[in-house]
Amino acid sequence: MKRKILVVDDEESIRLLYREELEDAGYEVRTAASAEEALELIAAGRPDLVIMDIKMPGMSGLEALVKIKEMDRRLPVILCSAYGEYKQDFSSWASDDYVVKSANLDELKRHIEKILAQAAENS
């Protein structure tokens, strides 16, 4: 069974890139253009992992992270931002990982594999 990943980013090009790369890697991928949309999708059907941008119009990724962890504290969330300074932000520490955006998704894929393996061990 394919693992389900939800990609949350306000930039359509990022959503398309991540979808293509992660589907090629064997994952089932859903996308959301906002934190609000992501929360609705999570409530409708829990993914195995969420990859979320931080800076988005409306609700930020950090605000959504808090709400996601309130819904299901075991749902892994990777924050993925172009801004490395958020890694030092206390509110980002609730995430399971933090990756700085890059056109090369190899690092992100390694983090995804590690987190999904840990989640499988803990379930």
PDB file of N, CA and C in Angstrom:
ATOM      1  N   MET A   1       0.841  -1.190   0.000  1.00  0.00           N
ATOM      2  CA  MET A   1       0.000   0.000   0.000  1.00  0.00           C
ATOM      3  C   MET A   1       0.884   1.252   0.000  1.00  0.00           C
ATOM      4  N   LYS A   2       0.551   2.186  -0.862  1.00  0.00           N
ATOM      5  CA  LYS A   2       1.327   3.419  -0.957  1.00  0.00           C
ATOM      6  C   LYS A   2       1.103   4.293   0.264  1.00  0.00           C
ATOM      7  N   ARG A   3       2.177   4.901   0.743  1.00  0.00           N
ATOM      8  CA  ARG A   3       2.069   5.857   1.846  1.00  0.00           C
ATOM      9  C   ARG A   3       1.526   7.171   1.287  1.00  0.00           C
ATOM     10  N   LYS A   4       0.656   7.829   2.059  1.00  0.00           N
ATOM     11  CA  LYS A   4      -0.012   9.058   1.613  1.00  0.00           C
ATOM     12  C   LYS A   4       0.686  10.290   2.190  1.00  0.00           C
ATOM     13  N   ILE A   5       1.035  11.210   1.298  1.00  0.00           N
ATOM     14  CA  ILE A   5       1.691  12.453   1.703  1.00  0.00           C
ATOM     15  C   ILE A   5       0.828  13.627   1.263  1.00  0.00           C
ATOM     16  N   LEU A   6       0.656  14.578   2.165  1.00  0.00           N
ATOM     17  CA  LEU A   6      -0.048  15.817   1.856  1.00  0.00           C
ATOM     18  C   LEU A   6       0.985  16.928   1.750  1.00  0.00           C
ATOM     19  N   VAL A   7       1.040  17.580   0.595  1.00  0.00           N
ATOM     20  CA  VAL A   7       1.953  18.698   0.358  1.00  0.00           C
ATOM     21  C   VAL A   7       1.159  19.994   0.434  1.00  0.00           C
ATOM     22  N   VAL A   8       1.592  20.902   1.310  1.00  0.00           N
ATOM     23  CA  VAL A   8       0.883  22.162   1.529  1.00  0.00           C
ATOM     24  C   VAL A   8       1.821  23.316   1.188  1.00  0.00           C
ATOM     25  N   ASP A   9       1.488  24.038   0.129  1.00  0.00           N
ATOM     26  CA  ASP A   9       2.309  25.177  -0.289  1.00  0.00           C
ATOM     27  C   ASP A   9       1.440  26.104  -1.121  1.00  0.00           C
ATOM     28  N   ASP A  10       1.596  27.415  -0.930  1.00  0.00           N
ATOM     29  CA  ASP A  10       0.785  28.356  -1.692  1.00  0.00           C
ATOM     30  C   ASP A  10       1.300  28.541  -3.116  1.00  0.00           C
ATOM     31  N   GLU A  11       2.495  28.077  -3.415  1.00  0.00           N
ATOM     32  CA  GLU A  11       3.038  28.195  -4.770  1.00  0.00           C
ATOM     33  C   GLU A  11       2.713  26.945  -5.581  1.00  0.00           C
ATOM     34  N   GLU A  12       1.943  27.137  -6.645  1.00  0.00           N
ATOM     35  CA  GLU A  12       1.512  25.999  -7.461  1.00  0.00           C
ATOM     36  C   GLU A  12       2.698  25.234  -8.042  1.00  0.00           C
ATOM     37  N   SER A  13       3.743  25.941  -8.468  1.00  0.00           N
ATOM     38  CA  SER A  13       4.902  25.267  -9.063  1.00  0.00           C
ATOM     39  C   SER A  13       5.581  24.322  -8.065  1.00  0.00           C
ATOM     40  N   ILE A  14       5.614  24.706  -6.807  1.00  0.00           N
ATOM     41  CA  ILE A  14       6.198  23.846  -5.767  1.00  0.00           C
ATOM     42  C   ILE A  14       5.317  22.620  -5.572  1.00  0.00           C
ATOM     43  N   ARG A  15       4.007  22.826  -5.501  1.00  0.00           N
ATOM     44  CA  ARG A  15       3.093  21.690  -5.327  1.00  0.00           C
ATOM     45  C   ARG A  15       3.247  20.700  -6.471  1.00  0.00           C
ATOM     46  N   LEU A  16       3.323  21.204  -7.701  1.00  0.00           N
ATOM     47  CA  LEU A  16       3.462  20.320  -8.859  1.00  0.00           C
ATOM     48  C   LEU A  16       4.792  19.579  -8.852  1.00  0.00           C
ATOM     49  N   LEU A  17       5.885  20.279  -8.529  1.00  0.00           N
ATOM     50  CA  LEU A  17       7.200  19.649  -8.468  1.00  0.00           C
ATOM     51  C   LEU A  17       7.222  18.539  -7.419  1.00  0.00           C
ATOM     52  N   TYR A  18       6.737  18.852  -6.214  1.00  0.00           N
ATOM     53  CA  TYR A  18       6.738  17.860  -5.138  1.00  0.00           C
ATOM     54  C   TYR A  18       5.857  16.673  -5.499  1.00  0.00           C
ATOM     55  N   ARG A  19       4.678  16.949  -6.077  1.00  0.00           N
ATOM     56  CA  ARG A  19       3.770  15.862  -6.456  1.00  0.00           C
ATOM     57  C   ARG A  19       4.467  14.924  -7.440  1.00  0.00           C
ATOM     58  N   GLU A  20       5.049  15.483  -8.487  1.00  0.00           N
ATOM     59  CA  GLU A  20       5.703  14.667  -9.513  1.00  0.00           C
ATOM     60  C   GLU A  20       6.858  13.851  -8.929  1.00  0.00           C
ATOM     61  N   GLU A  21       7.727  14.503  -8.176  1.00  0.00           N
ATOM     62  CA  GLU A  21       8.896  13.822  -7.606  1.00  0.00           C
ATOM     63  C   GLU A  21       8.481  12.732  -6.605  1.00  0.00           C
ATOM     64  N   LEU A  22       7.516  13.046  -5.755  1.00  0.00           N
ATOM     65  CA  LEU A  22       7.126  12.078  -4.724  1.00  0.00           C
ATOM     66  C   LEU A  22       6.299  10.935  -5.292  1.00  0.00           C
ATOM     67  N   GLU A  23       5.480  11.206  -6.303  1.00  0.00           N
ATOM     68  CA  GLU A  23       4.764  10.108  -6.957  1.00  0.00           C
ATOM     69  C   GLU A  23       5.749   9.196  -7.679  1.00  0.00           C
ATOM     70  N   ASP A  24       6.772   9.779  -8.311  1.00  0.00           N
ATOM     71  CA  ASP A  24       7.824   8.974  -8.944  1.00  0.00           C
ATOM     72  C   ASP A  24       8.555   8.110  -7.922  1.00  0.00           C
ATOM     73  N   ALA A  25       8.619   8.584  -6.677  1.00  0.00           N
ATOM     74  CA  ALA A  25       9.274   7.834  -5.599  1.00  0.00           C
ATOM     75  C   ALA A  25       8.344   6.785  -4.980  1.00  0.00           C
ATOM     76  N   GLY A  26       7.085   6.712  -5.462  1.00  0.00           N
ATOM     77  CA  GLY A  26       6.180   5.665  -5.008  1.00  0.00           C
ATOM     78  C   GLY A  26       5.143   6.071  -3.980  1.00  0.00           C
ATOM     79  N   TYR A  27       5.005   7.367  -3.714  1.00  0.00           N
ATOM     80  CA  TYR A  27       4.025   7.835  -2.738  1.00  0.00           C
ATOM     81  C   TYR A  27       2.734   8.275  -3.424  1.00  0.00           C
ATOM     82  N   GLU A  28       1.640   8.209  -2.678  1.00  0.00           N
ATOM     83  CA  GLU A  28       0.378   8.805  -3.118  1.00  0.00           C
ATOM     84  C   GLU A  28       0.385  10.231  -2.578  1.00  0.00           C
ATOM     85  N   VAL A  29       0.190  11.217  -3.453  1.00  0.00           N
ATOM     86  CA  VAL A  29       0.346  12.615  -3.054  1.00  0.00           C
ATOM     87  C   VAL A  29      -0.938  13.398  -3.273  1.00  0.00           C
ATOM     88  N   ARG A  30      -1.328  14.125  -2.244  1.00  0.00           N
ATOM     89  CA  ARG A  30      -2.413  15.104  -2.348  1.00  0.00           C
ATOM     90  C   ARG A  30      -1.794  16.464  -2.070  1.00  0.00           C
ATOM     91  N   THR A  31      -2.402  17.509  -2.600  1.00  0.00           N
ATOM     92  CA  THR A  31      -1.860  18.844  -2.390  1.00  0.00           C
ATOM     93  C   THR A  31      -2.934  19.788  -1.875  1.00  0.00           C
ATOM     94  N   ALA A  32      -2.463  20.823  -1.174  1.00  0.00           N
ATOM     95  CA  ALA A  32      -3.335  21.877  -0.678  1.00  0.00           C
ATOM     96  C   ALA A  32      -2.624  23.205  -0.891  1.00  0.00           C
ATOM     97  N   ALA A  33      -3.381  24.222  -1.297  1.00  0.00           N
ATOM     98  CA  ALA A  33      -2.811  25.536  -1.582  1.00  0.00           C
ATOM     99  C   ALA A  33      -2.786  26.444  -0.354  1.00  0.00           C
ATOM    100  N   SER A  34      -3.377  25.988   0.752  1.00  0.00           N
ATOM    101  CA  SER A  34      -3.415  26.811   1.966  1.00  0.00           C
ATOM    102  C   SER A  34      -3.465  25.904   3.195  1.00  0.00           C
ATOM    103  N   ALA A  35      -3.141  26.493   4.333  1.00  0.00           N
ATOM    104  CA  ALA A  35      -3.212  25.752   5.590  1.00  0.00           C
ATOM    105  C   ALA A  35      -4.650  25.359   5.897  1.00  0.00           C
ATOM    106  N   GLU A  36      -5.578  26.256   5.588  1.00  0.00           N
ATOM    107  CA  GLU A  36      -6.988  25.967   5.848  1.00  0.00           C
ATOM    108  C   GLU A  36      -7.455  24.752   5.040  1.00  0.00           C
ATOM    109  N   GLU A  37      -7.072  24.714   3.758  1.00  0.00           N
ATOM    110  CA  GLU A  37      -7.425  23.572   2.912  1.00  0.00           C
ATOM    111  C   GLU A  37      -6.782  22.292   3.439  1.00  0.00           C
ATOM    112  N   ALA A  38      -5.555  22.398   3.902  1.00  0.00           N
ATOM    113  CA  ALA A  38      -4.854  21.232   4.442  1.00  0.00           C
ATOM    114  C   ALA A  38      -5.593  20.660   5.654  1.00  0.00           C
ATOM    115  N   LEU A  39      -6.041  21.522   6.543  1.00  0.00           N
ATOM    116  CA  LEU A  39      -6.763  21.051   7.732  1.00  0.00           C
ATOM    117  C   LEU A  39      -8.039  20.313   7.347  1.00  0.00           C
ATOM    118  N   GLU A  40      -8.728  20.810   6.314  1.00  0.00           N
ATOM    119  CA  GLU A  40      -9.938  20.130   5.837  1.00  0.00           C
ATOM    120  C   GLU A  40      -9.591  18.749   5.273  1.00  0.00           C
ATOM    121  N   LEU A  41      -8.516  18.677   4.485  1.00  0.00           N
ATOM    122  CA  LEU A  41      -8.115  17.396   3.899  1.00  0.00           C
ATOM    123  C   LEU A  41      -7.700  16.393   4.979  1.00  0.00           C
ATOM    124  N   ILE A  42      -6.992  16.870   5.986  1.00  0.00           N
ATOM    125  CA  ILE A  42      -6.562  15.991   7.082  1.00  0.00           C
ATOM    126  C   ILE A  42      -7.781  15.466   7.840  1.00  0.00           C
ATOM    127  N   ALA A  43      -8.752  16.343   8.094  1.00  0.00           N
ATOM    128  CA  ALA A  43      -9.968  15.922   8.795  1.00  0.00           C
ATOM    129  C   ALA A  43     -10.752  14.893   7.982  1.00  0.00           C
ATOM    130  N   ALA A  44     -10.708  15.017   6.649  1.00  0.00           N
ATOM    131  CA  ALA A  44     -11.452  14.109   5.774  1.00  0.00           C
ATOM    132  C   ALA A  44     -10.768  12.748   5.623  1.00  0.00           C
ATOM    133  N   GLY A  45      -9.462  12.716   5.775  1.00  0.00           N
ATOM    134  CA  GLY A  45      -8.740  11.456   5.624  1.00  0.00           C
ATOM    135  C   GLY A  45      -7.277  11.640   5.947  1.00  0.00           C
ATOM    136  N   ARG A  46      -6.841  11.034   7.039  1.00  0.00           N
ATOM    137  CA  ARG A  46      -5.485  11.250   7.564  1.00  0.00           C
ATOM    138  C   ARG A  46      -4.410  10.759   6.597  1.00  0.00           C
ATOM    139  N   PRO A  47      -3.468  11.643   6.231  1.00  0.00           N
ATOM    140  CA  PRO A  47      -2.318  11.189   5.444  1.00  0.00           C
ATOM    141  C   PRO A  47      -1.299  10.531   6.378  1.00  0.00           C
ATOM    142  N   ASP A  48      -0.259   9.951   5.810  1.00  0.00           N
ATOM    143  CA  ASP A  48       0.810   9.371   6.625  1.00  0.00           C
ATOM    144  C   ASP A  48       1.842  10.413   7.021  1.00  0.00           C
ATOM    145  N   LEU A  49       1.876  11.535   6.270  1.00  0.00           N
ATOM    146  CA  LEU A  49       2.868  12.573   6.515  1.00  0.00           C
ATOM    147  C   LEU A  49       2.413  13.860   5.842  1.00  0.00           C
ATOM    148  N   VAL A  50       2.746  14.994   6.453  1.00  0.00           N
ATOM    149  CA  VAL A  50       2.428  16.307   5.885  1.00  0.00           C
ATOM    150  C   VAL A  50       3.735  17.059   5.660  1.00  0.00           C
ATOM    151  N   ILE A  51       3.877  17.642   4.463  1.00  0.00           N
ATOM    152  CA  ILE A  51       4.988  18.533   4.160  1.00  0.00           C
ATOM    153  C   ILE A  51       4.371  19.909   3.984  1.00  0.00           C
ATOM    154  N   MET A  52       4.816  20.882   4.803  1.00  0.00           N
ATOM    155  CA  MET A  52       4.129  22.160   4.812  1.00  0.00           C
ATOM    156  C   MET A  52       5.088  23.342   4.767  1.00  0.00           C
ATOM    157  N   ASP A  53       4.740  24.293   3.888  1.00  0.00           N
ATOM    158  CA  ASP A  53       5.438  25.572   3.832  1.00  0.00           C
ATOM    159  C   ASP A  53       5.073  26.368   5.089  1.00  0.00           C
ATOM    160  N   ILE A  54       5.899  27.340   5.436  1.00  0.00           N
ATOM    161  CA  ILE A  54       5.608  28.160   6.612  1.00  0.00           C
ATOM    162  C   ILE A  54       4.903  29.455   6.228  1.00  0.00           C
ATOM    163  N   LYS A  55       5.489  30.196   5.281  1.00  0.00           N
ATOM    164  CA  LYS A  55       4.931  31.502   4.901  1.00  0.00           C
ATOM    165  C   LYS A  55       3.879  31.315   3.820  1.00  0.00           C
ATOM    166  N   MET A  56       2.609  31.446   4.240  1.00  0.00           N
ATOM    167  CA  MET A  56       1.485  31.343   3.309  1.00  0.00           C
ATOM    168  C   MET A  56       0.475  32.421   3.669  1.00  0.00           C
ATOM    169  N   PRO A  57      -0.297  32.887   2.670  1.00  0.00           N
ATOM    170  CA  PRO A  57      -1.357  33.854   2.984  1.00  0.00           C
ATOM    171  C   PRO A  57      -2.372  33.218   3.939  1.00  0.00           C
ATOM    172  N   GLY A  58      -2.995  34.035   4.740  1.00  0.00           N
ATOM    173  CA  GLY A  58      -3.953  33.493   5.715  1.00  0.00           C
ATOM    174  C   GLY A  58      -3.198  32.846   6.862  1.00  0.00           C
ATOM    175  N   MET A  59      -3.606  31.651   7.206  1.00  0.00           N
ATOM    176  CA  MET A  59      -2.971  30.915   8.301  1.00  0.00           C
ATOM    177  C   MET A  59      -1.570  30.460   7.888  1.00  0.00           C
ATOM    178  N   SER A  60      -0.585  30.703   8.744  1.00  0.00           N
ATOM    179  CA  SER A  60       0.782  30.282   8.445  1.00  0.00           C
ATOM    180  C   SER A  60       0.938  28.783   8.701  1.00  0.00           C
ATOM    181  N   GLY A  61       2.009  28.234   8.192  1.00  0.00           N
ATOM    182  CA  GLY A  61       2.309  26.835   8.446  1.00  0.00           C
ATOM    183  C   GLY A  61       2.534  26.547   9.920  1.00  0.00           C
ATOM    184  N   LEU A  62       3.107  27.512  10.641  1.00  0.00           N
ATOM    185  CA  LEU A  62       3.329  27.317  12.078  1.00  0.00           C
ATOM    186  C   LEU A  62       2.001  27.271  12.834  1.00  0.00           C
ATOM    187  N   GLU A  63       1.061  28.130  12.452  1.00  0.00           N
ATOM    188  CA  GLU A  63      -0.269  28.103  13.078  1.00  0.00           C
ATOM    189  C   GLU A  63      -0.972  26.784  12.759  1.00  0.00           C
ATOM    190  N   ALA A  64      -0.862  26.340  11.506  1.00  0.00           N
ATOM    191  CA  ALA A  64      -1.484  25.075  11.106  1.00  0.00           C
ATOM    192  C   ALA A  64      -0.845  23.899  11.825  1.00  0.00           C
ATOM    193  N   LEU A  65       0.459  23.961  12.045  1.00  0.00           N
ATOM    194  CA  LEU A  65       1.163  22.890  12.754  1.00  0.00           C
ATOM    195  C   LEU A  65       0.541  22.660  14.131  1.00  0.00           C
ATOM    196  N   VAL A  66       0.265  23.737  14.835  1.00  0.00           N
ATOM    197  CA  VAL A  66      -0.363  23.628  16.161  1.00  0.00           C
ATOM    198  C   VAL A  66      -1.717  22.934  16.048  1.00  0.00           C
ATOM    199  N   LYS A  67      -2.515  23.333  15.063  1.00  0.00           N
ATOM    200  CA  LYS A  67      -3.846  22.740  14.890  1.00  0.00           C
ATOM    201  C   LYS A  67      -3.755  21.265  14.485  1.00  0.00           C
ATOM    202  N   ILE A  68      -2.794  20.932  13.633  1.00  0.00           N
ATOM    203  CA  ILE A  68      -2.608  19.538  13.222  1.00  0.00           C
ATOM    204  C   ILE A  68      -2.243  18.683  14.420  1.00  0.00           C
ATOM    205  N   LYS A  69      -1.320  19.163  15.247  1.00  0.00           N
ATOM    206  CA  LYS A  69      -0.901  18.396  16.420  1.00  0.00           C
ATOM    207  C   LYS A  69      -2.023  18.280  17.442  1.00  0.00           C
ATOM    208  N   GLU A  70      -2.939  19.259  17.480  1.00  0.00           N
ATOM    209  CA  GLU A  70      -4.115  19.153  18.345  1.00  0.00           C
ATOM    210  C   GLU A  70      -5.060  18.078  17.826  1.00  0.00           C
ATOM    211  N   MET A  71      -5.161  17.952  16.484  1.00  0.00           N
ATOM    212  CA  MET A  71      -6.022  16.941  15.869  1.00  0.00           C
ATOM    213  C   MET A  71      -5.442  15.542  16.057  1.00  0.00           C
ATOM    214  N   ASP A  72      -4.136  15.420  15.852  1.00  0.00           N
ATOM    215  CA  ASP A  72      -3.476  14.116  15.899  1.00  0.00           C
ATOM    216  C   ASP A  72      -1.988  14.341  16.163  1.00  0.00           C
ATOM    217  N   ARG A  73      -1.573  14.236  17.398  1.00  0.00           N
ATOM    218  CA  ARG A  73      -0.185  14.553  17.748  1.00  0.00           C
ATOM    219  C   ARG A  73       0.815  13.588  17.126  1.00  0.00           C
ATOM    220  N   ARG A  74       0.344  12.420  16.658  1.00  0.00           N
ATOM    221  CA  ARG A  74       1.252  11.441  16.052  1.00  0.00           C
ATOM    222  C   ARG A  74       1.419  11.607  14.543  1.00  0.00           C
ATOM    223  N   LEU A  75       0.666  12.522  13.936  1.00  0.00           N
ATOM    224  CA  LEU A  75       0.782  12.754  12.494  1.00  0.00           C
ATOM    225  C   LEU A  75       2.086  13.516  12.227  1.00  0.00           C
ATOM    226  N   PRO A  76       3.032  12.905  11.494  1.00  0.00           N
ATOM    227  CA  PRO A  76       4.313  13.573  11.248  1.00  0.00           C
ATOM    228  C   PRO A  76       4.163  14.758  10.296  1.00  0.00           C
ATOM    229  N   VAL A  77       4.837  15.855  10.649  1.00  0.00           N
ATOM    230  CA  VAL A  77       4.821  17.066   9.837  1.00  0.00           C
ATOM    231  C   VAL A  77       6.261  17.518   9.594  1.00  0.00           C
ATOM    232  N   ILE A  78       6.583  17.722   8.317  1.00  0.00           N
ATOM    233  CA  ILE A  78       7.872  18.298   7.944  1.00  0.00           C
ATOM    234  C   ILE A  78       7.609  19.720   7.485  1.00  0.00           C
ATOM    235  N   LEU A  79       8.240  20.678   8.147  1.00  0.00           N
ATOM    236  CA  LEU A  79       8.163  22.055   7.683  1.00  0.00           C
ATOM    237  C   LEU A  79       9.212  22.227   6.594  1.00  0.00           C
ATOM    238  N   CYS A  80       8.817  22.835   5.503  1.00  0.00           N
ATOM    239  CA  CYS A  80       9.708  23.003   4.357  1.00  0.00           C
ATOM    240  C   CYS A  80       9.610  24.462   3.929  1.00  0.00           C
ATOM    241  N   SER A  81      10.658  25.220   4.181  1.00  0.00           N
ATOM    242  CA  SER A  81      10.613  26.647   3.919  1.00  0.00           C
ATOM    243  C   SER A  81      11.874  27.112   3.213  1.00  0.00           C
ATOM    244  N   ALA A  82      11.743  28.187   2.468  1.00  0.00           N
ATOM    245  CA  ALA A  82      12.905  28.795   1.824  1.00  0.00           C
ATOM    246  C   ALA A  82      13.720  29.588   2.838  1.00  0.00           C
ATOM    247  N   TYR A  83      13.171  29.765   4.026  1.00  0.00           N
ATOM    248  CA  TYR A  83      13.803  30.594   5.046  1.00  0.00           C
ATOM    249  C   TYR A  83      14.349  29.737   6.180  1.00  0.00           C
ATOM    250  N   GLY A  84      15.660  29.613   6.250  1.00  0.00           N
ATOM    251  CA  GLY A  84      16.292  28.789   7.275  1.00  0.00           C
ATOM    252  C   GLY A  84      16.133  29.313   8.677  1.00  0.00           C
ATOM    253  N   GLU A  85      15.891  30.628   8.832  1.00  0.00           N
ATOM    254  CA  GLU A  85      15.820  31.203  10.179  1.00  0.00           C
ATOM    255  C   GLU A  85      14.641  30.678  10.990  1.00  0.00           C
ATOM    256  N   TYR A  86      13.609  30.157  10.335  1.00  0.00           N
ATOM    257  CA  TYR A  86      12.467  29.612  11.081  1.00  0.00           C
ATOM    258  C   TYR A  86      12.850  28.375  11.884  1.00  0.00           C
ATOM    259  N   LYS A  87      13.959  27.744  11.512  1.00  0.00           N
ATOM    260  CA  LYS A  87      14.404  26.557  12.242  1.00  0.00           C
ATOM    261  C   LYS A  87      14.687  26.888  13.705  1.00  0.00           C
ATOM    262  N   GLN A  88      15.054  28.141  13.963  1.00  0.00           N
ATOM    263  CA  GLN A  88      15.335  28.582  15.339  1.00  0.00           C
ATOM    264  C   GLN A  88      14.084  29.050  16.069  1.00  0.00           C
ATOM    265  N   ASP A  89      12.981  29.182  15.362  1.00  0.00           N
ATOM    266  CA  ASP A  89      11.722  29.637  15.951  1.00  0.00           C
ATOM    267  C   ASP A  89      11.156  28.525  16.827  1.00  0.00           C
ATOM    268  N   PHE A  90      10.907  28.848  18.074  1.00  0.00           N
ATOM    269  CA  PHE A  90      10.421  27.860  19.038  1.00  0.00           C
ATOM    270  C   PHE A  90       9.182  27.120  18.534  1.00  0.00           C
ATOM    271  N   SER A  91       8.287  27.817  17.844  1.00  0.00           N
ATOM    272  CA  SER A  91       7.040  27.172  17.397  1.00  0.00           C
ATOM    273  C   SER A  91       7.288  26.124  16.317  1.00  0.00           C
ATOM    274  N   SER A  92       8.428  26.179  15.639  1.00  0.00           N
ATOM    275  CA  SER A  92       8.717  25.159  14.622  1.00  0.00           C
ATOM    276  C   SER A  92       9.194  23.853  15.252  1.00  0.00           C
ATOM    277  N   TRP A  93       9.544  23.890  16.518  1.00  0.00           N
ATOM    278  CA  TRP A  93      10.073  22.693  17.181  1.00  0.00           C
ATOM    279  C   TRP A  93       9.029  21.591  17.328  1.00  0.00           C
ATOM    280  N   ALA A  94       7.761  21.920  17.206  1.00  0.00           N
ATOM    281  CA  ALA A  94       6.707  20.903  17.299  1.00  0.00           C
ATOM    282  C   ALA A  94       6.665  20.034  16.044  1.00  0.00           C
ATOM    283  N   SER A  95       7.344  20.482  14.988  1.00  0.00           N
ATOM    284  CA  SER A  95       7.370  19.683  13.762  1.00  0.00           C
ATOM    285  C   SER A  95       8.299  18.489  13.954  1.00  0.00           C
ATOM    286  N   ASP A  96       8.150  17.509  13.093  1.00  0.00           N
ATOM    287  CA  ASP A  96       8.985  16.320  13.173  1.00  0.00           C
ATOM    288  C   ASP A  96      10.315  16.514  12.454  1.00  0.00           C
ATOM    289  N   ASP A  97      10.356  17.511  11.564  1.00  0.00           N
ATOM    290  CA  ASP A  97      11.586  17.807  10.845  1.00  0.00           C
ATOM    291  C   ASP A  97      11.431  19.154  10.170  1.00  0.00           C
ATOM    292  N   TYR A  98      12.560  19.690   9.727  1.00  0.00           N
ATOM    293  CA  TYR A  98      12.591  20.995   9.072  1.00  0.00           C
ATOM    294  C   TYR A  98      13.585  20.901   7.930  1.00  0.00           C
ATOM    295  N   VAL A  99      13.141  21.228   6.727  1.00  0.00           N
ATOM    296  CA  VAL A  99      13.998  21.151   5.548  1.00  0.00           C
ATOM    297  C   VAL A  99      13.922  22.490   4.820  1.00  0.00           C
ATOM    298  N   VAL A 100      15.088  23.016   4.447  1.00  0.00           N
ATOM    299  CA  VAL A 100      15.114  24.243   3.656  1.00  0.00           C
ATOM    300  C   VAL A 100      14.842  23.860   2.203  1.00  0.00           C
ATOM    301  N   LYS A 101      13.905  24.589   1.570  1.00  0.00           N
ATOM    302  CA  LYS A 101      13.513  24.286   0.190  1.00  0.00           C
ATOM    303  C   LYS A 101      14.710  24.309  -0.744  1.00  0.00           C
ATOM    304  N   SER A 102      14.671  23.372  -1.697  1.00  0.00           N
ATOM    305  CA  SER A 102      15.707  23.274  -2.710  1.00  0.00           C
ATOM    306  C   SER A 102      15.081  22.650  -3.951  1.00  0.00           C
ATOM    307  N   ALA A 103      15.650  22.944  -5.119  1.00  0.00           N
ATOM    308  CA  ALA A 103      15.172  22.312  -6.353  1.00  0.00           C
ATOM    309  C   ALA A 103      15.510  20.832  -6.365  1.00  0.00           C
ATOM    310  N   ASN A 104      16.543  20.448  -5.612  1.00  0.00           N
ATOM    311  CA  ASN A 104      16.929  19.048  -5.482  1.00  0.00           C
ATOM    312  C   ASN A 104      16.191  18.482  -4.266  1.00  0.00           C
ATOM    313  N   LEU A 105      15.314  17.521  -4.494  1.00  0.00           N
ATOM    314  CA  LEU A 105      14.486  17.000  -3.407  1.00  0.00           C
ATOM    315  C   LEU A 105      15.083  15.774  -2.720  1.00  0.00           C
ATOM    316  N   ASP A 106      16.334  15.438  -3.008  1.00  0.00           N
ATOM    317  CA  ASP A 106      16.950  14.256  -2.395  1.00  0.00           C
ATOM    318  C   ASP A 106      16.965  14.337  -0.871  1.00  0.00           C
ATOM    319  N   GLU A 107      17.326  15.500  -0.323  1.00  0.00           N
ATOM    320  CA  GLU A 107      17.358  15.646   1.134  1.00  0.00           C
ATOM    321  C   GLU A 107      15.963  15.469   1.720  1.00  0.00           C
ATOM    322  N   LEU A 108      14.967  16.099   1.094  1.00  0.00           N
ATOM    323  CA  LEU A 108      13.590  15.968   1.572  1.00  0.00           C
ATOM    324  C   LEU A 108      13.156  14.506   1.536  1.00  0.00           C
ATOM    325  N   LYS A 109      13.469  13.801   0.467  1.00  0.00           N
ATOM    326  CA  LYS A 109      13.093  12.386   0.353  1.00  0.00           C
ATOM    327  C   LYS A 109      13.738  11.546   1.451  1.00  0.00           C
ATOM    328  N   ARG A 110      14.985  11.846   1.786  1.00  0.00           N
ATOM    329  CA  ARG A 110      15.651  11.116   2.881  1.00  0.00           C
ATOM    330  C   ARG A 110      14.939  11.360   4.208  1.00  0.00           C
ATOM    331  N   HIS A 111      14.535  12.604   4.446  1.00  0.00           N
ATOM    332  CA  HIS A 111      13.814  12.932   5.684  1.00  0.00           C
ATOM    333  C   HIS A 111      12.457  12.228   5.716  1.00  0.00           C
ATOM    334  N   ILE A 112      11.775  12.178   4.577  1.00  0.00           N
ATOM    335  CA  ILE A 112      10.477  11.494   4.494  1.00  0.00           C
ATOM    336  C   ILE A 112      10.643  10.020   4.830  1.00  0.00           C
ATOM    337  N   GLU A 113      11.611   9.361   4.211  1.00  0.00           N
ATOM    338  CA  GLU A 113      11.851   7.933   4.457  1.00  0.00           C
ATOM    339  C   GLU A 113      12.144   7.669   5.931  1.00  0.00           C
ATOM    340  N   LYS A 114      12.982   8.506   6.533  1.00  0.00           N
ATOM    341  CA  LYS A 114      13.352   8.348   7.943  1.00  0.00           C
ATOM    342  C   LYS A 114      12.130   8.487   8.851  1.00  0.00           C
ATOM    343  N   ILE A 115      11.338   9.517   8.617  1.00  0.00           N
ATOM    344  CA  ILE A 115      10.173   9.768   9.480  1.00  0.00           C
ATOM    345  C   ILE A 115       9.114   8.691   9.317  1.00  0.00           C
ATOM    346  N   LEU A 116       8.863   8.254   8.081  1.00  0.00           N
ATOM    347  CA  LEU A 116       7.868   7.191   7.869  1.00  0.00           C
ATOM    348  C   LEU A 116       8.337   5.874   8.482  1.00  0.00           C
ATOM    349  N   ALA A 117       9.639   5.618   8.431  1.00  0.00           N
ATOM    350  CA  ALA A 117      10.159   4.391   9.075  1.00  0.00           C
ATOM    351  C   ALA A 117       9.985   4.465  10.587  1.00  0.00           C
ATOM    352  N   GLN A 118      10.254   5.628  11.160  1.00  0.00           N
ATOM    353  CA  GLN A 118      10.075   5.793  12.606  1.00  0.00           C
ATOM    354  C   GLN A 118       8.608   5.660  13.001  1.00  0.00           C
ATOM    355  N   ALA A 119       7.716   6.225  12.183  1.00  0.00           N
ATOM    356  CA  ALA A 119       6.280   6.145  12.474  1.00  0.00           C
ATOM    357  C   ALA A 119       5.805   4.695  12.412  1.00  0.00           C
ATOM    358  N   ALA A 120       6.332   3.914  11.464  1.00  0.00           N
ATOM    359  CA  ALA A 120       5.962   2.504  11.345  1.00  0.00           C
ATOM    360  C   ALA A 120       6.425   1.717  12.562  1.00  0.00           C
ATOM    361  N   GLU A 121       7.618   2.042  13.053  1.00  0.00           N
ATOM    362  CA  GLU A 121       8.144   1.354  14.248  1.00  0.00           C
ATOM    363  C   GLU A 121       7.320   1.661  15.471  1.00  0.00           C
ATOM    364  N   ASN A 122       6.788   2.887  15.561  1.00  0.00           N
ATOM    365  CA  ASN A 122       6.058   3.326  16.752  1.00  0.00           C
ATOM    366  C   ASN A 122       4.575   2.987  16.724  1.00  0.00           C
ATOM    367  N   SER A 123       4.094   2.421  15.614  1.00  0.00           N
ATOM    368  CA  SER A 123       2.649   2.125  15.550  1.00  0.00           C
ATOM    369  C   SER A 123       2.367   0.666  15.831  1.00  0.00           C
TER     370      SER A 123
END
